[in-house]
Protein backbone atom coordinates (compact mmCIF):
# COMPACT_ATOMS: atom_id res chain seq x y z
CA MET A 1 1.88 2.88 18.85
CA LYS A 2 3.28 2.90 15.32
CA ALA A 3 1.38 1.61 12.32
CA LYS A 4 2.75 0.75 8.88
CA VAL A 5 0.19 0.77 6.08
CA PHE A 6 0.79 -0.75 2.64
CA VAL A 7 -1.66 0.11 -0.16
CA THR A 8 -1.51 -1.71 -3.50
CA ILE A 9 -3.63 -1.76 -6.61
CA LYS A 10 -5.84 -4.85 -6.76
CA GLU A 11 -4.49 -7.65 -8.93
CA ASN A 12 -7.35 -7.40 -11.46
CA VAL A 13 -6.91 -3.61 -11.95
CA LEU A 14 -4.58 -2.28 -14.63
CA ASP A 15 -1.50 -0.46 -13.30
CA PRO A 16 -0.32 1.99 -16.00
CA GLN A 17 2.32 3.48 -13.69
CA GLY A 18 3.72 0.01 -13.01
CA ASN A 19 3.73 -0.72 -16.75
CA ALA A 20 5.62 2.53 -17.41
CA VAL A 21 8.24 1.66 -14.80
CA GLN A 22 8.58 -1.84 -16.21
CA GLY A 23 9.10 -0.44 -19.72
CA ALA A 24 11.68 2.07 -18.47
CA LEU A 25 13.59 -0.64 -16.62
CA HIS A 26 13.66 -2.78 -19.77
CA THR A 27 14.91 0.20 -21.77
CA MET A 28 17.68 0.70 -19.19
CA GLY A 29 18.86 -2.89 -19.67
CA PHE A 30 17.03 -4.62 -16.84
CA ALA A 31 15.40 -7.25 -19.05
CA GLU A 32 14.93 -9.64 -16.13
CA VAL A 33 12.23 -7.43 -14.61
CA GLY A 34 8.79 -8.95 -14.92
CA LYS A 35 5.56 -7.38 -13.78
CA VAL A 36 5.83 -4.14 -11.76
CA ARG A 37 3.04 -2.95 -9.46
CA ILE A 38 3.16 0.48 -7.81
CA GLY A 39 1.78 1.13 -4.32
CA LYS A 40 1.95 3.43 -1.31
CA TYR A 41 3.62 3.05 2.08
CA MET A 42 2.69 5.12 5.14
CA GLU A 43 3.89 5.27 8.74
CA ILE A 44 1.35 6.56 11.25
CA GLU A 45 1.83 7.27 14.96
CA LEU A 46 -1.30 6.41 16.93
CA ASP A 47 -1.76 8.04 20.32
CA THR A 48 -3.22 5.03 22.08
CA ALA A 49 -1.87 2.14 24.15
CA ASP A 50 -4.93 -0.03 23.44
CA ARG A 51 -3.98 -2.30 20.53
CA ASN A 52 -7.59 -3.22 19.72
CA GLU A 53 -8.67 0.43 19.63
CA GLY A 54 -5.64 1.34 17.50
CA GLU A 55 -6.42 -1.44 15.04
CA GLN A 56 -10.08 -0.44 14.73
CA ARG A 57 -9.17 3.24 14.20
CA LEU A 58 -6.53 2.30 11.63
CA ILE A 59 -9.01 0.17 9.67
CA ALA A 60 -11.45 3.11 9.67
CA MET A 61 -8.69 5.42 8.35
CA CYS A 62 -7.84 2.99 5.57
CA GLU A 63 -11.45 2.44 4.57
CA LYS A 64 -12.33 6.17 4.59
CA LEU A 65 -9.20 7.86 3.22
CA LEU A 66 -5.93 5.99 2.88
CA ALA A 67 -7.08 3.38 0.36
CA ASN A 68 -9.62 3.50 -2.43
CA THR A 69 -11.08 0.09 -1.67
CA VAL A 70 -12.77 -0.13 -5.07
CA ILE A 71 -9.39 -0.48 -6.81
CA GLU A 72 -6.87 -0.89 -3.96
CA ASP A 73 -6.08 -3.43 -1.26
CA TYR A 74 -4.37 -2.55 1.99
CA ARG A 75 -2.59 -4.30 4.80
CA TYR A 76 -1.07 -2.97 7.96
CA GLU A 77 1.34 -3.81 10.75
CA LEU A 78 1.10 -2.48 14.31
CA GLU A 79 4.17 -2.06 16.51
CA GLY A 80 4.08 -1.38 20.20
């Protein structure tokens, strides 16, 4: 089973990396760019056919390591 995990900084947390990218894009002539938020994307192969078990294990991975839940949100998609 394949999992896709998307981790983003919470809306109420400052994103200095996003601000830097936004400023650079403006400098390069892309004035139409508004707010930029930076995140992470991961693909994980899970060695299980049980969708419920895979989902529970994936949530545990996100909560313990893949996302800092104090400042980040995450969402995931399961395929297979």
